[in-house]
Amino acid sequence: MGALEEFLTHGLRYAFPAERGELTRGVATSYGAAPLRALIAPTNDPIPVWPYEEGKQRGVSLAPLYKTAPKAALRDESFYELLVLADALRDGRVRERKIAETELHRRLREAHAEFKS
């Protein structure tokens, strides 16, 4: 599990660099969505969103890891939260990345412990 954590923490943003665009309607991600939304104080900056016609938020476009990620994320809350954490690691500032890293490590350890039992 150490190699996966190492890649997610330090390699994800290089293997899958964040691509920002213009203001658009979509699905909130990174610090604009749970679980980070509750942990990071909001600013006046527009939140990052995955462009998606059926999305309810407006913000700065952030290309998802895969084109169907917004649709899949809206079907599975746990998956959505993992993608949100991944986007914070890809695109976030230092503080956002550190919080996402801590939260992702916690979730991976819990999943690993559950799998082992």
PDB file of N, CA and C in Angstrom:
ATOM      1  N   MET A   1       0.820  -1.194   0.000  1.00  0.00           N
ATOM      2  CA  MET A   1       0.000   0.000   0.000  1.00  0.00           C
ATOM      3  C   MET A   1       0.863   1.257   0.000  1.00  0.00           C
ATOM      4  N   GLY A   2       2.080   1.166   0.479  1.00  0.00           N
ATOM      5  CA  GLY A   2       2.953   2.324   0.522  1.00  0.00           C
ATOM      6  C   GLY A   2       3.230   2.918  -0.846  1.00  0.00           C
ATOM      7  N   ALA A   3       3.403   2.058  -1.859  1.00  0.00           N
ATOM      8  CA  ALA A   3       3.679   2.550  -3.210  1.00  0.00           C
ATOM      9  C   ALA A   3       2.477   3.306  -3.772  1.00  0.00           C
ATOM     10  N   LEU A   4       1.270   2.814  -3.511  1.00  0.00           N
ATOM     11  CA  LEU A   4       0.073   3.503  -3.983  1.00  0.00           C
ATOM     12  C   LEU A   4      -0.048   4.870  -3.329  1.00  0.00           C
ATOM     13  N   GLU A   5       0.141   4.929  -2.027  1.00  0.00           N
ATOM     14  CA  GLU A   5       0.075   6.205  -1.318  1.00  0.00           C
ATOM     15  C   GLU A   5       1.141   7.167  -1.842  1.00  0.00           C
ATOM     16  N   GLU A   6       2.331   6.658  -2.084  1.00  0.00           N
ATOM     17  CA  GLU A   6       3.423   7.489  -2.599  1.00  0.00           C
ATOM     18  C   GLU A   6       3.067   8.056  -3.974  1.00  0.00           C
ATOM     19  N   PHE A   7       2.530   7.206  -4.852  1.00  0.00           N
ATOM     20  CA  PHE A   7       2.144   7.674  -6.182  1.00  0.00           C
ATOM     21  C   PHE A   7       1.039   8.716  -6.101  1.00  0.00           C
ATOM     22  N   LEU A   8      -0.002   8.438  -5.327  1.00  0.00           N
ATOM     23  CA  LEU A   8      -1.110   9.377  -5.237  1.00  0.00           C
ATOM     24  C   LEU A   8      -0.653  10.719  -4.665  1.00  0.00           C
ATOM     25  N   THR A   9       0.166  10.659  -3.652  1.00  0.00           N
ATOM     26  CA  THR A   9       0.615  11.871  -2.982  1.00  0.00           C
ATOM     27  C   THR A   9       1.570  12.697  -3.834  1.00  0.00           C
ATOM     28  N   HIS A  10       2.502  12.028  -4.495  1.00  0.00           N
ATOM     29  CA  HIS A  10       3.561  12.767  -5.177  1.00  0.00           C
ATOM     30  C   HIS A  10       3.559  12.651  -6.699  1.00  0.00           C
ATOM     31  N   GLY A  11       2.929  11.620  -7.246  1.00  0.00           N
ATOM     32  CA  GLY A  11       3.001  11.417  -8.686  1.00  0.00           C
ATOM     33  C   GLY A  11       1.753  11.741  -9.472  1.00  0.00           C
ATOM     34  N   LEU A  12       0.614  11.750  -8.802  1.00  0.00           N
ATOM     35  CA  LEU A  12      -0.660  11.935  -9.501  1.00  0.00           C
ATOM     36  C   LEU A  12      -0.699  13.226 -10.299  1.00  0.00           C
ATOM     37  N   ARG A  13      -0.222  14.303  -9.712  1.00  0.00           N
ATOM     38  CA  ARG A  13      -0.299  15.592 -10.399  1.00  0.00           C
ATOM     39  C   ARG A  13       0.645  15.678 -11.595  1.00  0.00           C
ATOM     40  N   TYR A  14       1.639  14.795 -11.656  1.00  0.00           N
ATOM     41  CA  TYR A  14       2.534  14.770 -12.812  1.00  0.00           C
ATOM     42  C   TYR A  14       2.033  13.797 -13.879  1.00  0.00           C
ATOM     43  N   ALA A  15       1.476  12.681 -13.449  1.00  0.00           N
ATOM     44  CA  ALA A  15       0.948  11.691 -14.398  1.00  0.00           C
ATOM     45  C   ALA A  15      -0.363  12.165 -15.020  1.00  0.00           C
ATOM     46  N   PHE A  16      -1.164  12.894 -14.231  1.00  0.00           N
ATOM     47  CA  PHE A  16      -2.459  13.399 -14.683  1.00  0.00           C
ATOM     48  C   PHE A  16      -2.567  14.882 -14.326  1.00  0.00           C
ATOM     49  N   PRO A  17      -1.821  15.739 -15.035  1.00  0.00           N
ATOM     50  CA  PRO A  17      -1.814  17.157 -14.667  1.00  0.00           C
ATOM     51  C   PRO A  17      -3.196  17.796 -14.792  1.00  0.00           C
ATOM     52  N   ALA A  18      -3.461  18.726 -13.899  1.00  0.00           N
ATOM     53  CA  ALA A  18      -4.738  19.434 -13.891  1.00  0.00           C
ATOM     54  C   ALA A  18      -4.815  20.361 -15.090  1.00  0.00           C
ATOM     55  N   GLU A  19      -5.969  20.344 -15.738  1.00  0.00           N
ATOM     56  CA  GLU A  19      -6.209  21.230 -16.874  1.00  0.00           C
ATOM     57  C   GLU A  19      -7.389  22.121 -16.529  1.00  0.00           C
ATOM     58  N   ARG A  20      -7.091  23.383 -16.239  1.00  0.00           N
ATOM     59  CA  ARG A  20      -8.141  24.354 -15.901  1.00  0.00           C
ATOM     60  C   ARG A  20      -8.615  25.068 -17.149  1.00  0.00           C
ATOM     61  N   GLY A  21      -9.873  25.500 -17.090  1.00  0.00           N
ATOM     62  CA  GLY A  21     -10.444  26.221 -18.212  1.00  0.00           C
ATOM     63  C   GLY A  21     -11.213  27.434 -17.742  1.00  0.00           C
ATOM     64  N   GLU A  22     -12.293  27.711 -18.426  1.00  0.00           N
ATOM     65  CA  GLU A  22     -13.105  28.894 -18.155  1.00  0.00           C
ATOM     66  C   GLU A  22     -14.211  28.589 -17.157  1.00  0.00           C
ATOM     67  N   LEU A  23     -14.932  29.634 -16.771  1.00  0.00           N
ATOM     68  CA  LEU A  23     -16.101  29.452 -15.910  1.00  0.00           C
ATOM     69  C   LEU A  23     -17.136  28.623 -16.657  1.00  0.00           C
ATOM     70  N   THR A  24     -17.731  27.690 -15.943  1.00  0.00           N
ATOM     71  CA  THR A  24     -18.715  26.804 -16.548  1.00  0.00           C
ATOM     72  C   THR A  24     -19.619  26.221 -15.474  1.00  0.00           C
ATOM     73  N   ARG A  25     -20.642  25.522 -15.909  1.00  0.00           N
ATOM     74  CA  ARG A  25     -21.522  24.801 -14.991  1.00  0.00           C
ATOM     75  C   ARG A  25     -21.031  23.363 -14.934  1.00  0.00           C
ATOM     76  N   GLY A  26     -21.105  22.782 -13.730  1.00  0.00           N
ATOM     77  CA  GLY A  26     -20.643  21.412 -13.604  1.00  0.00           C
ATOM     78  C   GLY A  26     -20.826  20.864 -12.207  1.00  0.00           C
ATOM     79  N   VAL A  27     -19.968  19.910 -11.875  1.00  0.00           N
ATOM     80  CA  VAL A  27     -19.993  19.206 -10.591  1.00  0.00           C
ATOM     81  C   VAL A  27     -18.780  19.667  -9.790  1.00  0.00           C
ATOM     82  N   ALA A  28     -19.016  20.124  -8.581  1.00  0.00           N
ATOM     83  CA  ALA A  28     -17.935  20.619  -7.727  1.00  0.00           C
ATOM     84  C   ALA A  28     -16.898  19.529  -7.468  1.00  0.00           C
ATOM     85  N   THR A  29     -15.641  19.950  -7.385  1.00  0.00           N
ATOM     86  CA  THR A  29     -14.560  19.027  -7.071  1.00  0.00           C
ATOM     87  C   THR A  29     -13.496  19.752  -6.244  1.00  0.00           C
ATOM     88  N   SER A  30     -12.469  19.038  -5.867  1.00  0.00           N
ATOM     89  CA  SER A  30     -11.367  19.559  -5.067  1.00  0.00           C
ATOM     90  C   SER A  30     -11.914  20.217  -3.790  1.00  0.00           C
ATOM     91  N   TYR A  31     -11.445  21.398  -3.444  1.00  0.00           N
ATOM     92  CA  TYR A  31     -11.870  22.037  -2.194  1.00  0.00           C
ATOM     93  C   TYR A  31     -13.312  22.536  -2.236  1.00  0.00           C
ATOM     94  N   GLY A  32     -13.977  22.442  -3.383  1.00  0.00           N
ATOM     95  CA  GLY A  32     -15.361  22.891  -3.507  1.00  0.00           C
ATOM     96  C   GLY A  32     -16.386  21.819  -3.204  1.00  0.00           C
ATOM     97  N   ALA A  33     -15.940  20.601  -2.875  1.00  0.00           N
ATOM     98  CA  ALA A  33     -16.859  19.481  -2.640  1.00  0.00           C
ATOM     99  C   ALA A  33     -16.465  18.731  -1.371  1.00  0.00           C
ATOM    100  N   ALA A  34     -17.397  17.938  -0.864  1.00  0.00           N
ATOM    101  CA  ALA A  34     -17.127  17.103   0.310  1.00  0.00           C
ATOM    102  C   ALA A  34     -16.088  16.053  -0.061  1.00  0.00           C
ATOM    103  N   PRO A  35     -15.195  15.731   0.827  1.00  0.00           N
ATOM    104  CA  PRO A  35     -15.107  16.098   2.228  1.00  0.00           C
ATOM    105  C   PRO A  35     -14.297  17.374   2.489  1.00  0.00           C
ATOM    106  N   LEU A  36     -13.626  17.903   1.481  1.00  0.00           N
ATOM    107  CA  LEU A  36     -12.745  19.054   1.700  1.00  0.00           C
ATOM    108  C   LEU A  36     -13.494  20.349   1.965  1.00  0.00           C
ATOM    109  N   ARG A  37     -14.676  20.474   1.421  1.00  0.00           N
ATOM    110  CA  ARG A  37     -15.459  21.708   1.594  1.00  0.00           C
ATOM    111  C   ARG A  37     -15.634  22.038   3.082  1.00  0.00           C
ATOM    112  N   ALA A  38     -15.778  21.020   3.909  1.00  0.00           N
ATOM    113  CA  ALA A  38     -15.965  21.234   5.348  1.00  0.00           C
ATOM    114  C   ALA A  38     -14.640  21.505   6.077  1.00  0.00           C
ATOM    115  N   LEU A  39     -13.531  21.205   5.442  1.00  0.00           N
ATOM    116  CA  LEU A  39     -12.223  21.330   6.096  1.00  0.00           C
ATOM    117  C   LEU A  39     -11.429  22.552   5.661  1.00  0.00           C
ATOM    118  N   ILE A  40     -11.828  23.169   4.560  1.00  0.00           N
ATOM    119  CA  ILE A  40     -11.091  24.306   4.008  1.00  0.00           C
ATOM    120  C   ILE A  40     -12.023  25.508   3.934  1.00  0.00           C
ATOM    121  N   ALA A  41     -11.588  26.595   4.530  1.00  0.00           N
ATOM    122  CA  ALA A  41     -12.413  27.813   4.538  1.00  0.00           C
ATOM    123  C   ALA A  41     -12.620  28.317   3.114  1.00  0.00           C
ATOM    124  N   PRO A  42     -13.859  28.678   2.769  1.00  0.00           N
ATOM    125  CA  PRO A  42     -14.129  29.170   1.412  1.00  0.00           C
ATOM    126  C   PRO A  42     -13.480  30.532   1.166  1.00  0.00           C
ATOM    127  N   THR A  43     -13.201  30.790  -0.091  1.00  0.00           N
ATOM    128  CA  THR A  43     -12.652  32.086  -0.509  1.00  0.00           C
ATOM    129  C   THR A  43     -13.629  32.701  -1.504  1.00  0.00           C
ATOM    130  N   ASN A  44     -13.283  33.837  -2.029  1.00  0.00           N
ATOM    131  CA  ASN A  44     -14.110  34.477  -3.054  1.00  0.00           C
ATOM    132  C   ASN A  44     -13.843  33.916  -4.445  1.00  0.00           C
ATOM    133  N   ASP A  45     -12.811  33.090  -4.568  1.00  0.00           N
ATOM    134  CA  ASP A  45     -12.489  32.488  -5.860  1.00  0.00           C
ATOM    135  C   ASP A  45     -13.548  31.466  -6.254  1.00  0.00           C
ATOM    136  N   PRO A  46     -13.831  31.365  -7.553  1.00  0.00           N
ATOM    137  CA  PRO A  46     -14.772  30.330  -7.995  1.00  0.00           C
ATOM    138  C   PRO A  46     -14.194  28.940  -7.709  1.00  0.00           C
ATOM    139  N   ILE A  47     -15.068  28.022  -7.334  1.00  0.00           N
ATOM    140  CA  ILE A  47     -14.616  26.663  -7.037  1.00  0.00           C
ATOM    141  C   ILE A  47     -14.300  25.915  -8.329  1.00  0.00           C
ATOM    142  N   PRO A  48     -13.477  24.871  -8.243  1.00  0.00           N
ATOM    143  CA  PRO A  48     -13.243  24.034  -9.415  1.00  0.00           C
ATOM    144  C   PRO A  48     -14.456  23.119  -9.647  1.00  0.00           C
ATOM    145  N   VAL A  49     -14.832  22.954 -10.899  1.00  0.00           N
ATOM    146  CA  VAL A  49     -15.933  22.052 -11.259  1.00  0.00           C
ATOM    147  C   VAL A  49     -15.539  21.231 -12.471  1.00  0.00           C
ATOM    148  N   TRP A  50     -16.040  20.004 -12.506  1.00  0.00           N
ATOM    149  CA  TRP A  50     -15.933  19.212 -13.724  1.00  0.00           C
ATOM    150  C   TRP A  50     -17.034  19.690 -14.650  1.00  0.00           C
ATOM    151  N   PRO A  51     -16.739  20.059 -15.862  1.00  0.00           N
ATOM    152  CA  PRO A  51     -17.800  20.477 -16.779  1.00  0.00           C
ATOM    153  C   PRO A  51     -18.801  19.334 -16.971  1.00  0.00           C
ATOM    154  N   TYR A  52     -20.077  19.650 -16.757  1.00  0.00           N
ATOM    155  CA  TYR A  52     -21.125  18.635 -16.872  1.00  0.00           C
ATOM    156  C   TYR A  52     -22.450  19.353 -17.035  1.00  0.00           C
ATOM    157  N   GLU A  53     -23.161  19.049 -18.099  1.00  0.00           N
ATOM    158  CA  GLU A  53     -24.406  19.747 -18.415  1.00  0.00           C
ATOM    159  C   GLU A  53     -25.423  19.701 -17.286  1.00  0.00           C
ATOM    160  N   GLU A  54     -25.476  18.580 -16.588  1.00  0.00           N
ATOM    161  CA  GLU A  54     -26.462  18.418 -15.526  1.00  0.00           C
ATOM    162  C   GLU A  54     -25.946  18.868 -14.162  1.00  0.00           C
ATOM    163  N   GLY A  55     -24.752  19.431 -14.127  1.00  0.00           N
ATOM    164  CA  GLY A  55     -24.176  19.911 -12.878  1.00  0.00           C
ATOM    165  C   GLY A  55     -24.938  21.097 -12.327  1.00  0.00           C
ATOM    166  N   LYS A  56     -24.845  21.285 -11.026  1.00  0.00           N
ATOM    167  CA  LYS A  56     -25.605  22.347 -10.364  1.00  0.00           C
ATOM    168  C   LYS A  56     -24.733  23.503  -9.869  1.00  0.00           C
ATOM    169  N   GLN A  57     -23.410  23.354  -9.927  1.00  0.00           N
ATOM    170  CA  GLN A  57     -22.520  24.402  -9.457  1.00  0.00           C
ATOM    171  C   GLN A  57     -21.910  25.140 -10.641  1.00  0.00           C
ATOM    172  N   ARG A  58     -21.478  26.345 -10.353  1.00  0.00           N
ATOM    173  CA  ARG A  58     -20.770  27.135 -11.356  1.00  0.00           C
ATOM    174  C   ARG A  58     -19.376  27.409 -10.805  1.00  0.00           C
ATOM    175  N   GLY A  59     -18.382  27.240 -11.654  1.00  0.00           N
ATOM    176  CA  GLY A  59     -17.016  27.474 -11.226  1.00  0.00           C
ATOM    177  C   GLY A  59     -16.054  27.369 -12.387  1.00  0.00           C
ATOM    178  N   VAL A  60     -14.777  27.276 -12.047  1.00  0.00           N
ATOM    179  CA  VAL A  60     -13.717  27.170 -13.040  1.00  0.00           C
ATOM    180  C   VAL A  60     -13.599  25.712 -13.469  1.00  0.00           C
ATOM    181  N   SER A  61     -13.625  25.508 -14.759  1.00  0.00           N
ATOM    182  CA  SER A  61     -13.522  24.165 -15.322  1.00  0.00           C
ATOM    183  C   SER A  61     -12.220  23.491 -14.907  1.00  0.00           C
ATOM    184  N   LEU A  62     -12.326  22.238 -14.434  1.00  0.00           N
ATOM    185  CA  LEU A  62     -11.175  21.397 -14.145  1.00  0.00           C
ATOM    186  C   LEU A  62     -11.454  20.057 -14.811  1.00  0.00           C
ATOM    187  N   ALA A  63     -10.645  19.713 -15.800  1.00  0.00           N
ATOM    188  CA  ALA A  63     -10.859  18.461 -16.523  1.00  0.00           C
ATOM    189  C   ALA A  63     -10.754  17.287 -15.552  1.00  0.00           C
ATOM    190  N   PRO A  64     -11.747  16.390 -15.566  1.00  0.00           N
ATOM    191  CA  PRO A  64     -11.706  15.229 -14.672  1.00  0.00           C
ATOM    192  C   PRO A  64     -10.648  14.223 -15.117  1.00  0.00           C
ATOM    193  N   LEU A  65     -10.315  13.294 -14.239  1.00  0.00           N
ATOM    194  CA  LEU A  65      -9.353  12.251 -14.579  1.00  0.00           C
ATOM    195  C   LEU A  65      -9.807  11.457 -15.798  1.00  0.00           C
ATOM    196  N   TYR A  66     -11.114  11.281 -15.932  1.00  0.00           N
ATOM    197  CA  TYR A  66     -11.685  10.575 -17.073  1.00  0.00           C
ATOM    198  C   TYR A  66     -12.992  11.254 -17.434  1.00  0.00           C
ATOM    199  N   LYS A  67     -13.336  11.277 -18.698  1.00  0.00           N
ATOM    200  CA  LYS A  67     -14.474  12.073 -19.170  1.00  0.00           C
ATOM    201  C   LYS A  67     -15.807  11.709 -18.533  1.00  0.00           C
ATOM    202  N   THR A  68     -15.988  10.466 -18.109  1.00  0.00           N
ATOM    203  CA  THR A  68     -17.263  10.076 -17.496  1.00  0.00           C
ATOM    204  C   THR A  68     -17.228  10.141 -15.966  1.00  0.00           C
ATOM    205  N   ALA A  69     -16.165  10.659 -15.405  1.00  0.00           N
ATOM    206  CA  ALA A  69     -16.045  10.742 -13.941  1.00  0.00           C
ATOM    207  C   ALA A  69     -17.197  11.495 -13.278  1.00  0.00           C
ATOM    208  N   PRO A  70     -17.647  12.642 -13.813  1.00  0.00           N
ATOM    209  CA  PRO A  70     -18.753  13.345 -13.144  1.00  0.00           C
ATOM    210  C   PRO A  70     -20.021  12.487 -13.041  1.00  0.00           C
ATOM    211  N   LYS A  71     -20.353  11.816 -14.102  1.00  0.00           N
ATOM    212  CA  LYS A  71     -21.561  10.974 -14.101  1.00  0.00           C
ATOM    213  C   LYS A  71     -21.406   9.822 -13.111  1.00  0.00           C
ATOM    214  N   ALA A  72     -20.252   9.171 -13.117  1.00  0.00           N
ATOM    215  CA  ALA A  72     -20.002   8.068 -12.196  1.00  0.00           C
ATOM    216  C   ALA A  72     -19.982   8.553 -10.750  1.00  0.00           C
ATOM    217  N   ALA A  73     -19.376   9.703 -10.520  1.00  0.00           N
ATOM    218  CA  ALA A  73     -19.274  10.237  -9.162  1.00  0.00           C
ATOM    219  C   ALA A  73     -20.645  10.549  -8.574  1.00  0.00           C
ATOM    220  N   LEU A  74     -21.547  11.045  -9.399  1.00  0.00           N
ATOM    221  CA  LEU A  74     -22.885  11.379  -8.905  1.00  0.00           C
ATOM    222  C   LEU A  74     -23.702  10.136  -8.567  1.00  0.00           C
ATOM    223  N   ARG A  75     -23.255   8.993  -8.997  1.00  0.00           N
ATOM    224  CA  ARG A  75     -23.941   7.721  -8.686  1.00  0.00           C
ATOM    225  C   ARG A  75     -23.401   7.052  -7.432  1.00  0.00           C
ATOM    226  N   ASP A  76     -22.193   7.440  -7.004  1.00  0.00           N
ATOM    227  CA  ASP A  76     -21.539   6.772  -5.870  1.00  0.00           C
ATOM    228  C   ASP A  76     -20.800   7.809  -5.029  1.00  0.00           C
ATOM    229  N   GLU A  77     -21.349   8.120  -3.873  1.00  0.00           N
ATOM    230  CA  GLU A  77     -20.797   9.176  -3.023  1.00  0.00           C
ATOM    231  C   GLU A  77     -19.362   8.889  -2.579  1.00  0.00           C
ATOM    232  N   SER A  78     -19.062   7.652  -2.217  1.00  0.00           N
ATOM    233  CA  SER A  78     -17.703   7.317  -1.776  1.00  0.00           C
ATOM    234  C   SER A  78     -16.692   7.507  -2.898  1.00  0.00           C
ATOM    235  N   PHE A  79     -17.069   7.076  -4.095  1.00  0.00           N
ATOM    236  CA  PHE A  79     -16.205   7.247  -5.262  1.00  0.00           C
ATOM    237  C   PHE A  79     -16.004   8.734  -5.554  1.00  0.00           C
ATOM    238  N   TYR A  80     -17.079   9.488  -5.462  1.00  0.00           N
ATOM    239  CA  TYR A  80     -17.018  10.933  -5.679  1.00  0.00           C
ATOM    240  C   TYR A  80     -16.007  11.565  -4.729  1.00  0.00           C
ATOM    241  N   GLU A  81     -16.077  11.216  -3.466  1.00  0.00           N
ATOM    242  CA  GLU A  81     -15.165  11.803  -2.486  1.00  0.00           C
ATOM    243  C   GLU A  81     -13.711  11.440  -2.767  1.00  0.00           C
ATOM    244  N   LEU A  82     -13.461  10.221  -3.241  1.00  0.00           N
ATOM    245  CA  LEU A  82     -12.092   9.840  -3.593  1.00  0.00           C
ATOM    246  C   LEU A  82     -11.588  10.645  -4.790  1.00  0.00           C
ATOM    247  N   LEU A  83     -12.455  10.869  -5.770  1.00  0.00           N
ATOM    248  CA  LEU A  83     -12.071  11.690  -6.915  1.00  0.00           C
ATOM    249  C   LEU A  83     -11.813  13.142  -6.512  1.00  0.00           C
ATOM    250  N   VAL A  84     -12.603  13.638  -5.576  1.00  0.00           N
ATOM    251  CA  VAL A  84     -12.415  14.992  -5.052  1.00  0.00           C
ATOM    252  C   VAL A  84     -11.033  15.108  -4.406  1.00  0.00           C
ATOM    253  N   LEU A  85     -10.670  14.117  -3.610  1.00  0.00           N
ATOM    254  CA  LEU A  85      -9.358  14.126  -2.963  1.00  0.00           C
ATOM    255  C   LEU A  85      -8.240  14.042  -4.002  1.00  0.00           C
ATOM    256  N   ALA A  86      -8.442  13.214  -5.022  1.00  0.00           N
ATOM    257  CA  ALA A  86      -7.443  13.110  -6.092  1.00  0.00           C
ATOM    258  C   ALA A  86      -7.274  14.449  -6.807  1.00  0.00           C
ATOM    259  N   ASP A  87      -8.390  15.136  -7.057  1.00  0.00           N
ATOM    260  CA  ASP A  87      -8.287  16.437  -7.722  1.00  0.00           C
ATOM    261  C   ASP A  87      -7.575  17.465  -6.855  1.00  0.00           C
ATOM    262  N   ALA A  88      -7.772  17.406  -5.564  1.00  0.00           N
ATOM    263  CA  ALA A  88      -7.051  18.333  -4.678  1.00  0.00           C
ATOM    264  C   ALA A  88      -5.555  18.032  -4.717  1.00  0.00           C
ATOM    265  N   LEU A  89      -5.193  16.767  -4.845  1.00  0.00           N
ATOM    266  CA  LEU A  89      -3.785  16.416  -4.967  1.00  0.00           C
ATOM    267  C   LEU A  89      -3.219  16.870  -6.316  1.00  0.00           C
ATOM    268  N   ARG A  90      -4.034  16.823  -7.356  1.00  0.00           N
ATOM    269  CA  ARG A  90      -3.597  17.230  -8.698  1.00  0.00           C
ATOM    270  C   ARG A  90      -3.511  18.741  -8.850  1.00  0.00           C
ATOM    271  N   ASP A  91      -4.448  19.463  -8.225  1.00  0.00           N
ATOM    272  CA  ASP A  91      -4.624  20.872  -8.552  1.00  0.00           C
ATOM    273  C   ASP A  91      -4.525  21.829  -7.371  1.00  0.00           C
ATOM    274  N   GLY A  92      -4.562  21.299  -6.170  1.00  0.00           N
ATOM    275  CA  GLY A  92      -4.654  22.160  -5.007  1.00  0.00           C
ATOM    276  C   GLY A  92      -3.363  22.873  -4.645  1.00  0.00           C
ATOM    277  N   ARG A  93      -3.530  23.893  -3.822  1.00  0.00           N
ATOM    278  CA  ARG A  93      -2.376  24.578  -3.240  1.00  0.00           C
ATOM    279  C   ARG A  93      -1.809  23.678  -2.146  1.00  0.00           C
ATOM    280  N   VAL A  94      -0.697  24.055  -1.575  1.00  0.00           N
ATOM    281  CA  VAL A  94       0.006  23.215  -0.609  1.00  0.00           C
ATOM    282  C   VAL A  94      -0.912  22.789   0.535  1.00  0.00           C
ATOM    283  N   ARG A  95      -1.631  23.717   1.122  1.00  0.00           N
ATOM    284  CA  ARG A  95      -2.504  23.386   2.260  1.00  0.00           C
ATOM    285  C   ARG A  95      -3.605  22.413   1.835  1.00  0.00           C
ATOM    286  N   GLU A  96      -4.208  22.645   0.694  1.00  0.00           N
ATOM    287  CA  GLU A  96      -5.271  21.761   0.198  1.00  0.00           C
ATOM    288  C   GLU A  96      -4.727  20.366  -0.079  1.00  0.00           C
ATOM    289  N   ARG A  97      -3.540  20.305  -0.678  1.00  0.00           N
ATOM    290  CA  ARG A  97      -2.932  19.003  -0.964  1.00  0.00           C
ATOM    291  C   ARG A  97      -2.631  18.253   0.326  1.00  0.00           C
ATOM    292  N   LYS A  98      -2.143  18.954   1.340  1.00  0.00           N
ATOM    293  CA  LYS A  98      -1.799  18.297   2.613  1.00  0.00           C
ATOM    294  C   LYS A  98      -3.054  17.734   3.286  1.00  0.00           C
ATOM    295  N   ILE A  99      -4.131  18.492   3.287  1.00  0.00           N
ATOM    296  CA  ILE A  99      -5.383  18.013   3.887  1.00  0.00           C
ATOM    297  C   ILE A  99      -5.914  16.820   3.096  1.00  0.00           C
ATOM    298  N   ALA A 100      -5.861  16.910   1.770  1.00  0.00           N
ATOM    299  CA  ALA A 100      -6.329  15.801   0.926  1.00  0.00           C
ATOM    300  C   ALA A 100      -5.468  14.560   1.137  1.00  0.00           C
ATOM    301  N   GLU A 101      -4.181  14.755   1.261  1.00  0.00           N
ATOM    302  CA  GLU A 101      -3.264  13.642   1.497  1.00  0.00           C
ATOM    303  C   GLU A 101      -3.607  12.925   2.805  1.00  0.00           C
ATOM    304  N   THR A 102      -3.792  13.679   3.858  1.00  0.00           N
ATOM    305  CA  THR A 102      -4.131  13.099   5.161  1.00  0.00           C
ATOM    306  C   THR A 102      -5.439  12.326   5.087  1.00  0.00           C
ATOM    307  N   GLU A 103      -6.443  12.923   4.471  1.00  0.00           N
ATOM    308  CA  GLU A 103      -7.753  12.279   4.357  1.00  0.00           C
ATOM    309  C   GLU A 103      -7.688  11.032   3.481  1.00  0.00           C
ATOM    310  N   LEU A 104      -6.961  11.093   2.391  1.00  0.00           N
ATOM    311  CA  LEU A 104      -6.846   9.938   1.504  1.00  0.00           C
ATOM    312  C   LEU A 104      -6.104   8.801   2.193  1.00  0.00           C
ATOM    313  N   HIS A 105      -5.024   9.093   2.886  1.00  0.00           N
ATOM    314  CA  HIS A 105      -4.282   8.054   3.619  1.00  0.00           C
ATOM    315  C   HIS A 105      -5.186   7.388   4.654  1.00  0.00           C
ATOM    316  N   ARG A 106      -5.967   8.183   5.359  1.00  0.00           N
ATOM    317  CA  ARG A 106      -6.882   7.627   6.361  1.00  0.00           C
ATOM    318  C   ARG A 106      -7.867   6.666   5.702  1.00  0.00           C
ATOM    319  N   ARG A 107      -8.443   7.075   4.593  1.00  0.00           N
ATOM    320  CA  ARG A 107      -9.428   6.235   3.906  1.00  0.00           C
ATOM    321  C   ARG A 107      -8.797   4.958   3.341  1.00  0.00           C
ATOM    322  N   LEU A 108      -7.601   5.066   2.815  1.00  0.00           N
ATOM    323  CA  LEU A 108      -6.931   3.881   2.287  1.00  0.00           C
ATOM    324  C   LEU A 108      -6.602   2.898   3.397  1.00  0.00           C
ATOM    325  N   ARG A 109      -6.164   3.389   4.520  1.00  0.00           N
ATOM    326  CA  ARG A 109      -5.861   2.505   5.655  1.00  0.00           C
ATOM    327  C   ARG A 109      -7.113   1.821   6.177  1.00  0.00           C
ATOM    328  N   GLU A 110      -8.215   2.559   6.254  1.00  0.00           N
ATOM    329  CA  GLU A 110      -9.484   1.961   6.685  1.00  0.00           C
ATOM    330  C   GLU A 110      -9.936   0.881   5.705  1.00  0.00           C
ATOM    331  N   ALA A 111      -9.818   1.155   4.417  1.00  0.00           N
ATOM    332  CA  ALA A 111     -10.215   0.170   3.403  1.00  0.00           C
ATOM    333  C   ALA A 111      -9.320  -1.057   3.466  1.00  0.00           C
ATOM    334  N   HIS A 112      -8.034  -0.839   3.679  1.00  0.00           N
ATOM    335  CA  HIS A 112      -7.089  -1.947   3.769  1.00  0.00           C
ATOM    336  C   HIS A 112      -7.397  -2.820   4.999  1.00  0.00           C
ATOM    337  N   ALA A 113      -7.666  -2.178   6.121  1.00  0.00           N
ATOM    338  CA  ALA A 113      -7.998  -2.929   7.342  1.00  0.00           C
ATOM    339  C   ALA A 113      -9.297  -3.724   7.164  1.00  0.00           C
ATOM    340  N   GLU A 114     -10.265  -3.127   6.510  1.00  0.00           N
ATOM    341  CA  GLU A 114     -11.535  -3.801   6.268  1.00  0.00           C
ATOM    342  C   GLU A 114     -11.342  -4.989   5.336  1.00  0.00           C
ATOM    343  N   PHE A 115     -10.506  -4.818   4.318  1.00  0.00           N
ATOM    344  CA  PHE A 115     -10.233  -5.882   3.358  1.00  0.00           C
ATOM    345  C   PHE A 115      -9.541  -7.063   4.035  1.00  0.00           C
ATOM    346  N   LYS A 116      -8.618  -6.773   4.948  1.00  0.00           N
ATOM    347  CA  LYS A 116      -7.857  -7.816   5.638  1.00  0.00           C
ATOM    348  C   LYS A 116      -8.702  -8.619   6.619  1.00  0.00           C
ATOM    349  N   SER A 117      -9.779  -8.022   7.115  1.00  0.00           N
ATOM    350  CA  SER A 117     -10.575  -8.732   8.132  1.00  0.00           C
ATOM    351  C   SER A 117     -11.637  -9.611   7.525  1.00  0.00           C
TER     352      SER A 117
END
